[in-house]
PDB file of N, CA and C in Angstrom:
ATOM      1  N   UNK A   1      91.348  98.740 100.227  1.00  0.00           N
ATOM      2  CA  UNK A   1      91.294  99.895  99.301  1.00  0.00           C
ATOM      3  C   UNK A   1      89.962 100.011  98.638  1.00  0.00           C
ATOM      4  N   UNK A   2      89.387  98.873  98.365  1.00  0.00           N
ATOM      5  CA  UNK A   2      88.155  98.819  97.620  1.00  0.00           C
ATOM      6  C   UNK A   2      87.018  99.591  98.426  1.00  0.00           C
ATOM      7  N   UNK A   3      87.101  99.454  99.743  1.00  0.00           N
ATOM      8  CA  UNK A   3      86.183 100.138 100.621  1.00  0.00           C
ATOM      9  C   UNK A   3      86.281 101.703 100.528  1.00  0.00           C
ATOM     10  N   UNK A   4      87.594 102.141 100.515  1.00  0.00           N
ATOM     11  CA  UNK A   4      87.779 103.627 100.352  1.00  0.00           C
ATOM     12  C   UNK A   4      87.368 104.059  98.896  1.00  0.00           C
ATOM     13  N   UNK A   5      87.661 103.265  97.952  1.00  0.00           N
ATOM     14  CA  UNK A   5      87.229 103.697  96.608  1.00  0.00           C
ATOM     15  C   UNK A   5      85.761 103.765  96.434  1.00  0.00           C
ATOM     16  N   UNK A   6      85.101 102.846  96.981  1.00  0.00           N
ATOM     17  CA  UNK A   6      83.589 102.849  97.034  1.00  0.00           C
ATOM     18  C   UNK A   6      83.045 104.058  97.741  1.00  0.00           C
ATOM     19  N   UNK A   7      83.655 104.410  98.852  1.00  0.00           N
ATOM     20  CA  UNK A   7      83.244 105.568  99.723  1.00  0.00           C
ATOM     21  C   UNK A   7      83.433 106.862  98.959  1.00  0.00           C
ATOM     22  N   UNK A   8      84.548 106.937  98.315  1.00  0.00           N
ATOM     23  CA  UNK A   8      84.909 108.201  97.486  1.00  0.00           C
ATOM     24  C   UNK A   8      83.895 108.293  96.307  1.00  0.00           C
ATOM     25  N   UNK A   9      83.568 107.223  95.665  1.00  0.00           N
ATOM     26  CA  UNK A   9      82.679 107.268  94.587  1.00  0.00           C
ATOM     27  C   UNK A   9      81.216 107.706  95.044  1.00  0.00           C
ATOM     28  N   UNK A  10      80.873 107.219  96.192  1.00  0.00           N
ATOM     29  CA  UNK A  10      79.568 107.560  96.796  1.00  0.00           C
ATOM     30  C   UNK A  10      79.538 109.066  97.098  1.00  0.00           C
ATOM     31  N   UNK A  11      80.522 109.510  97.759  1.00  0.00           N
ATOM     32  CA  UNK A  11      80.653 110.904  98.144  1.00  0.00           C
ATOM     33  C   UNK A  11      80.695 111.879  96.978  1.00  0.00           C
ATOM     34  N   UNK A  12      81.406 111.433  95.867  1.00  0.00           N
ATOM     35  CA  UNK A  12      81.428 112.281  94.690  1.00  0.00           C
ATOM     36  C   UNK A  12      80.209 112.424  93.910  1.00  0.00           C
ATOM     37  N   UNK A  13      79.199 111.607  94.255  1.00  0.00           N
ATOM     38  CA  UNK A  13      77.897 111.781  93.618  1.00  0.00           C
ATOM     39  C   UNK A  13      77.303 113.134  94.017  1.00  0.00           C
ATOM     40  N   UNK A  14      77.567 113.584  95.303  1.00  0.00           N
ATOM     41  CA  UNK A  14      77.080 114.869  95.767  1.00  0.00           C
ATOM     42  C   UNK A  14      78.139 115.964  95.746  1.00  0.00           C
ATOM     43  N   UNK A  15      79.351 115.522  95.828  1.00  0.00           N
ATOM     44  CA  UNK A  15      80.503 116.501  95.863  1.00  0.00           C
ATOM     45  C   UNK A  15      81.521 116.115  94.844  1.00  0.00           C
ATOM     46  N   UNK A  16      81.357 116.412  93.571  1.00  0.00           N
ATOM     47  CA  UNK A  16      82.198 115.887  92.473  1.00  0.00           C
ATOM     48  C   UNK A  16      83.664 116.132  92.609  1.00  0.00           C
ATOM     49  N   UNK A  17      84.053 117.147  93.403  1.00  0.00           N
ATOM     50  CA  UNK A  17      85.438 117.532  93.560  1.00  0.00           C
ATOM     51  C   UNK A  17      86.110 116.944  94.726  1.00  0.00           C
ATOM     52  N   UNK A  18      85.352 116.126  95.446  1.00  0.00           N
ATOM     53  CA  UNK A  18      85.931 115.443  96.664  1.00  0.00           C
ATOM     54  C   UNK A  18      87.113 114.584  96.345  1.00  0.00           C
ATOM     55  N   UNK A  19      88.131 114.592  97.210  1.00  0.00           N
ATOM     56  CA  UNK A  19      89.284 113.645  97.038  1.00  0.00           C
ATOM     57  C   UNK A  19      89.693 113.192  98.412  1.00  0.00           C
ATOM     58  N   UNK A  20      90.304 112.053  98.448  1.00  0.00           N
ATOM     59  CA  UNK A  20      90.822 111.537  99.690  1.00  0.00           C
ATOM     60  C   UNK A  20      92.330 111.151  99.491  1.00  0.00           C
ATOM     61  N   UNK A  21      93.171 111.645 100.321  1.00  0.00           N
ATOM     62  CA  UNK A  21      94.622 111.249 100.230  1.00  0.00           C
ATOM     63  C   UNK A  21      95.004 110.627 101.483  1.00  0.00           C
ATOM     64  N   UNK A  22      95.855 109.599 101.372  1.00  0.00           N
ATOM     65  CA  UNK A  22      96.281 108.910 102.568  1.00  0.00           C
ATOM     66  C   UNK A  22      97.846 108.897 102.748  1.00  0.00           C
ATOM     67  N   UNK A  23      98.277 109.121 103.882  1.00  0.00           N
ATOM     68  CA  UNK A  23      99.645 108.914 104.250  1.00  0.00           C
ATOM     69  C   UNK A  23      99.708 107.759 105.200  1.00  0.00           C
ATOM     70  N   UNK A  24     100.407 106.709 104.769  1.00  0.00           N
ATOM     71  CA  UNK A  24     100.549 105.445 105.544  1.00  0.00           C
ATOM     72  C   UNK A  24     101.601 105.701 106.624  1.00  0.00           C
ATOM     73  N   UNK A  25     101.308 105.206 107.830  1.00  0.00           N
ATOM     74  CA  UNK A  25     102.244 105.391 108.978  1.00  0.00           C
ATOM     75  C   UNK A  25     102.924 104.104 109.323  1.00  0.00           C
ATOM     76  N   UNK A  26     104.196 104.165 109.653  1.00  0.00           N
ATOM     77  CA  UNK A  26     104.998 103.082 110.157  1.00  0.00           C
ATOM     78  C   UNK A  26     105.591 103.499 111.485  1.00  0.00           C
ATOM     79  N   UNK A  27     106.136 102.561 112.260  1.00  0.00           N
ATOM     80  CA  UNK A  27     106.736 102.937 113.548  1.00  0.00           C
ATOM     81  C   UNK A  27     108.275 102.839 113.490  1.00  0.00           C
ATOM     82  N   UNK A  28     108.862 103.921 113.875  1.00  0.00           N
ATOM     83  CA  UNK A  28     110.347 104.077 113.910  1.00  0.00           C
ATOM     84  C   UNK A  28     110.953 103.049 114.842  1.00  0.00           C
ATOM     85  N   UNK A  29     110.228 102.623 115.838  1.00  0.00           N
ATOM     86  CA  UNK A  29     110.774 101.709 116.812  1.00  0.00           C
ATOM     87  C   UNK A  29     111.000 100.252 116.232  1.00  0.00           C
ATOM     88  N   UNK A  30     110.435  99.925 115.025  1.00  0.00           N
ATOM     89  CA  UNK A  30     110.668  98.649 114.379  1.00  0.00           C
ATOM     90  C   UNK A  30     112.133  98.612 113.918  1.00  0.00           C
ATOM     91  N   UNK A  31     112.618  97.394 113.711  1.00  0.00           N
ATOM     92  CA  UNK A  31     113.929  97.179 113.199  1.00  0.00           C
ATOM     93  C   UNK A  31     113.931  97.581 111.680  1.00  0.00           C
ATOM     94  N   UNK A  32     115.148  97.783 111.206  1.00  0.00           N
ATOM     95  CA  UNK A  32     115.349  98.287 109.868  1.00  0.00           C
ATOM     96  C   UNK A  32     114.718  97.357 108.798  1.00  0.00           C
ATOM     97  N   UNK A  33     114.769  96.002 108.958  1.00  0.00           N
ATOM     98  CA  UNK A  33     114.187  95.135 107.991  1.00  0.00           C
ATOM     99  C   UNK A  33     112.648  95.235 107.999  1.00  0.00           C
ATOM    100  N   UNK A  34     112.035  95.462 109.114  1.00  0.00           N
ATOM    101  CA  UNK A  34     110.595  95.595 109.186  1.00  0.00           C
ATOM    102  C   UNK A  34     110.132  96.966 108.581  1.00  0.00           C
ATOM    103  N   UNK A  35     110.892  98.013 108.796  1.00  0.00           N
ATOM    104  CA  UNK A  35     110.614  99.245 108.224  1.00  0.00           C
ATOM    105  C   UNK A  35     110.764  99.185 106.721  1.00  0.00           C
ATOM    106  N   UNK A  36     111.859  98.594 106.201  1.00  0.00           N
ATOM    107  CA  UNK A  36     111.945  98.436 104.750  1.00  0.00           C
ATOM    108  C   UNK A  36     110.907  97.663 104.110  1.00  0.00           C
ATOM    109  N   UNK A  37     110.393  96.533 104.736  1.00  0.00           N
ATOM    110  CA  UNK A  37     109.298  95.776 104.264  1.00  0.00           C
ATOM    111  C   UNK A  37     108.067  96.619 104.247  1.00  0.00           C
ATOM    112  N   UNK A  38     107.755  97.341 105.313  1.00  0.00           N
ATOM    113  CA  UNK A  38     106.608  98.203 105.402  1.00  0.00           C
ATOM    114  C   UNK A  38     106.656  99.277 104.318  1.00  0.00           C
ATOM    115  N   UNK A  39     107.792  99.899 104.113  1.00  0.00           N
ATOM    116  CA  UNK A  39     107.835 100.959 103.083  1.00  0.00           C
ATOM    117  C   UNK A  39     107.652 100.350 101.675  1.00  0.00           C
ATOM    118  N   UNK A  40     108.262  99.200 101.409  1.00  0.00           N
ATOM    119  CA  UNK A  40     108.130  98.498 100.075  1.00  0.00           C
ATOM    120  C   UNK A  40     106.703  98.214  99.860  1.00  0.00           C
ATOM    121  N   UNK A  41     105.954  97.690 100.819  1.00  0.00           N
ATOM    122  CA  UNK A  41     104.476  97.393 100.703  1.00  0.00           C
ATOM    123  C   UNK A  41     103.808  98.586 100.483  1.00  0.00           C
ATOM    124  N   UNK A  42     104.036  99.706 101.103  1.00  0.00           N
ATOM    125  CA  UNK A  42     103.404 101.029 100.913  1.00  0.00           C
ATOM    126  C   UNK A  42     103.621 101.525  99.491  1.00  0.00           C
ATOM    127  N   UNK A  43     104.808 101.397  99.017  1.00  0.00           N
ATOM    128  CA  UNK A  43     105.164 101.841  97.657  1.00  0.00           C
ATOM    129  C   UNK A  43     104.378 101.008  96.585  1.00  0.00           C
ATOM    130  N   UNK A  44     104.328  99.636  96.869  1.00  0.00           N
ATOM    131  CA  UNK A  44     103.516  98.777  95.912  1.00  0.00           C
ATOM    132  C   UNK A  44     102.049  99.192  95.897  1.00  0.00           C
ATOM    133  N   UNK A  45     101.536  99.450  97.069  1.00  0.00           N
ATOM    134  CA  UNK A  45     100.156  99.846  97.212  1.00  0.00           C
ATOM    135  C   UNK A  45      99.871 101.188  96.541  1.00  0.00           C
ATOM    136  N   UNK A  46     100.854 102.084  96.678  1.00  0.00           N
ATOM    137  CA  UNK A  46     100.781 103.462  96.069  1.00  0.00           C
ATOM    138  C   UNK A  46     100.750 103.299  94.558  1.00  0.00           C
ATOM    139  N   UNK A  47     101.533 102.395  93.986  1.00  0.00           N
ATOM    140  CA  UNK A  47     101.631 102.188  92.582  1.00  0.00           C
ATOM    141  C   UNK A  47     100.221 101.808  92.098  1.00  0.00           C
ATOM    142  N   UNK A  48      99.426 100.959  92.871  1.00  0.00           N
ATOM    143  CA  UNK A  48      98.108 100.481  92.455  1.00  0.00           C
ATOM    144  C   UNK A  48      97.079 101.594  92.683  1.00  0.00           C
ATOM    145  N   UNK A  49      97.346 102.519  93.647  1.00  0.00           N
ATOM    146  CA  UNK A  49      96.351 103.478  94.021  1.00  0.00           C
ATOM    147  C   UNK A  49      97.042 104.861  94.212  1.00  0.00           C
ATOM    148  N   UNK A  50      97.628 105.346  93.174  1.00  0.00           N
ATOM    149  CA  UNK A  50      98.415 106.653  93.187  1.00  0.00           C
ATOM    150  C   UNK A  50      97.520 107.856  93.429  1.00  0.00           C
ATOM    151  N   UNK A  51      96.210 107.709  93.229  1.00  0.00           N
ATOM    152  CA  UNK A  51      95.260 108.846  93.493  1.00  0.00           C
ATOM    153  C   UNK A  51      94.880 108.931  94.948  1.00  0.00           C
ATOM    154  N   UNK A  52      95.250 107.889  95.721  1.00  0.00           N
ATOM    155  CA  UNK A  52      94.851 107.889  97.091  1.00  0.00           C
ATOM    156  C   UNK A  52      96.130 107.885  98.060  1.00  0.00           C
ATOM    157  N   UNK A  53      97.068 107.000  97.857  1.00  0.00           N
ATOM    158  CA  UNK A  53      98.285 106.838  98.716  1.00  0.00           C
ATOM    159  C   UNK A  53      99.287 107.937  98.202  1.00  0.00           C
ATOM    160  N   UNK A  54      99.628 108.878  99.064  1.00  0.00           N
ATOM    161  CA  UNK A  54     100.525 109.918  98.668  1.00  0.00           C
ATOM    162  C   UNK A  54     101.830 109.975  99.503  1.00  0.00           C
ATOM    163  N   UNK A  55     101.929 109.227 100.546  1.00  0.00           N
ATOM    164  CA  UNK A  55     103.109 109.363 101.336  1.00  0.00           C
ATOM    165  C   UNK A  55     103.255 108.286 102.367  1.00  0.00           C
ATOM    166  N   UNK A  56     104.345 108.262 103.096  1.00  0.00           N
ATOM    167  CA  UNK A  56     104.656 107.336 104.199  1.00  0.00           C
ATOM    168  C   UNK A  56     105.281 108.119 105.365  1.00  0.00           C
ATOM    169  N   UNK A  57     104.772 107.980 106.468  1.00  0.00           N
ATOM    170  CA  UNK A  57     105.367 108.606 107.697  1.00  0.00           C
ATOM    171  C   UNK A  57     105.918 107.590 108.660  1.00  0.00           C
ATOM    172  N   UNK A  58     107.072 107.846 109.053  1.00  0.00           N
ATOM    173  CA  UNK A  58     107.720 107.061 110.089  1.00  0.00           C
ATOM    174  C   UNK A  58     107.647 107.817 111.394  1.00  0.00           C
ATOM    175  N   UNK A  59     106.906 107.231 112.321  1.00  0.00           N
ATOM    176  CA  UNK A  59     106.643 108.057 113.567  1.00  0.00           C
ATOM    177  C   UNK A  59     107.131 107.215 114.831  1.00  0.00           C
ATOM    178  N   UNK A  60     107.312 107.949 115.892  1.00  0.00           N
ATOM    179  CA  UNK A  60     107.745 107.436 117.189  1.00  0.00           C
ATOM    180  C   UNK A  60     107.463 108.418 118.286  1.00  0.00           C
ATOM    181  N   UNK A  61     107.051 107.942 119.458  1.00  0.00           N
ATOM    182  CA  UNK A  61     106.884 108.733 120.571  1.00  0.00           C
ATOM    183  C   UNK A  61     108.083 108.642 121.442  1.00  0.00           C
ATOM    184  N   UNK A  62     108.694 109.806 121.733  1.00  0.00           N
ATOM    185  CA  UNK A  62     109.924 109.749 122.528  1.00  0.00           C
ATOM    186  C   UNK A  62     109.573 109.899 124.063  1.00  0.00           C
ATOM    187  N   UNK A  63     110.574 109.947 124.894  1.00  0.00           N
ATOM    188  CA  UNK A  63     110.397 109.968 126.436  1.00  0.00           C
ATOM    189  C   UNK A  63     109.433 111.057 126.871  1.00  0.00           C
ATOM    190  N   UNK A  64     109.548 112.170 126.191  1.00  0.00           N
ATOM    191  CA  UNK A  64     108.646 113.279 126.621  1.00  0.00           C
ATOM    192  C   UNK A  64     107.389 113.250 125.954  1.00  0.00           C
ATOM    193  N   UNK A  65     106.926 112.074 125.384  1.00  0.00           N
ATOM    194  CA  UNK A  65     105.670 111.798 124.718  1.00  0.00           C
ATOM    195  C   UNK A  65     105.437 112.764 123.568  1.00  0.00           C
ATOM    196  N   UNK A  66     106.422 113.186 122.947  1.00  0.00           N
ATOM    197  CA  UNK A  66     106.287 114.042 121.744  1.00  0.00           C
ATOM    198  C   UNK A  66     106.438 113.089 120.547  1.00  0.00           C
ATOM    199  N   UNK A  67     105.631 113.299 119.522  1.00  0.00           N
ATOM    200  CA  UNK A  67     105.771 112.468 118.321  1.00  0.00           C
ATOM    201  C   UNK A  67     106.892 112.958 117.384  1.00  0.00           C
ATOM    202  N   UNK A  68     107.757 112.084 116.991  1.00  0.00           N
ATOM    203  CA  UNK A  68     108.825 112.315 116.042  1.00  0.00           C
ATOM    204  C   UNK A  68     108.361 111.785 114.676  1.00  0.00           C
ATOM    205  N   UNK A  69     108.462 112.532 113.543  1.00  0.00           N
ATOM    206  CA  UNK A  69     108.044 112.014 112.354  1.00  0.00           C
ATOM    207  C   UNK A  69     109.097 112.201 111.262  1.00  0.00           C
ATOM    208  N   UNK A  70     109.172 111.200 110.376  1.00  0.00           N
ATOM    209  CA  UNK A  70     110.073 111.192 109.199  1.00  0.00           C
ATOM    210  C   UNK A  70     109.051 110.902 108.043  1.00  0.00           C
ATOM    211  N   UNK A  71     108.978 111.719 107.054  1.00  0.00           N
ATOM    212  CA  UNK A  71     107.978 111.655 106.045  1.00  0.00           C
ATOM    213  C   UNK A  71     108.690 111.379 104.626  1.00  0.00           C
ATOM    214  N   UNK A  72     108.055 110.554 103.848  1.00  0.00           N
ATOM    215  CA  UNK A  72     108.479 110.170 102.559  1.00  0.00           C
ATOM    216  C   UNK A  72     107.364 110.527 101.578  1.00  0.00           C
ATOM    217  N   UNK A  73     107.520 111.265 100.532  1.00  0.00           N
ATOM    218  CA  UNK A  73     106.524 111.629  99.563  1.00  0.00           C
ATOM    219  C   UNK A  73     106.725 110.546  98.421  1.00  0.00           C
ATOM    220  N   UNK A  74     105.670 109.856  98.103  1.00  0.00           N
ATOM    221  CA  UNK A  74     105.700 108.842  97.045  1.00  0.00           C
ATOM    222  C   UNK A  74     105.101 109.358  95.810  1.00  0.00           C
ATOM    223  N   UNK A  75     105.916 109.299  94.673  1.00  0.00           N
ATOM    224  CA  UNK A  75     105.433 109.759  93.416  1.00  0.00           C
ATOM    225  C   UNK A  75     105.581 108.476  92.495  1.00  0.00           C
ATOM    226  N   UNK A  76     104.525 108.053  91.960  1.00  0.00           N
ATOM    227  CA  UNK A  76     104.387 106.894  91.061  1.00  0.00           C
ATOM    228  C   UNK A  76     104.195 107.317  89.650  1.00  0.00           C
TER     229      UNK A  76
END
């Protein structure tokens, strides 16, 4: 996250209104325990960086190669 924060600060020198928001992605194909661990880690990171981390997407590619998404908006 320090790299992102440094890059944002550098860009804001020329564009003061610049912002970067991130949605963390997890894989729906993982088992429930792994998904819960991933989501908990994302929430903890979002608490430390609420100005950057704004959500969590659970994605999967089905047989037709279409992406299926489940989104969670994180508010800290």
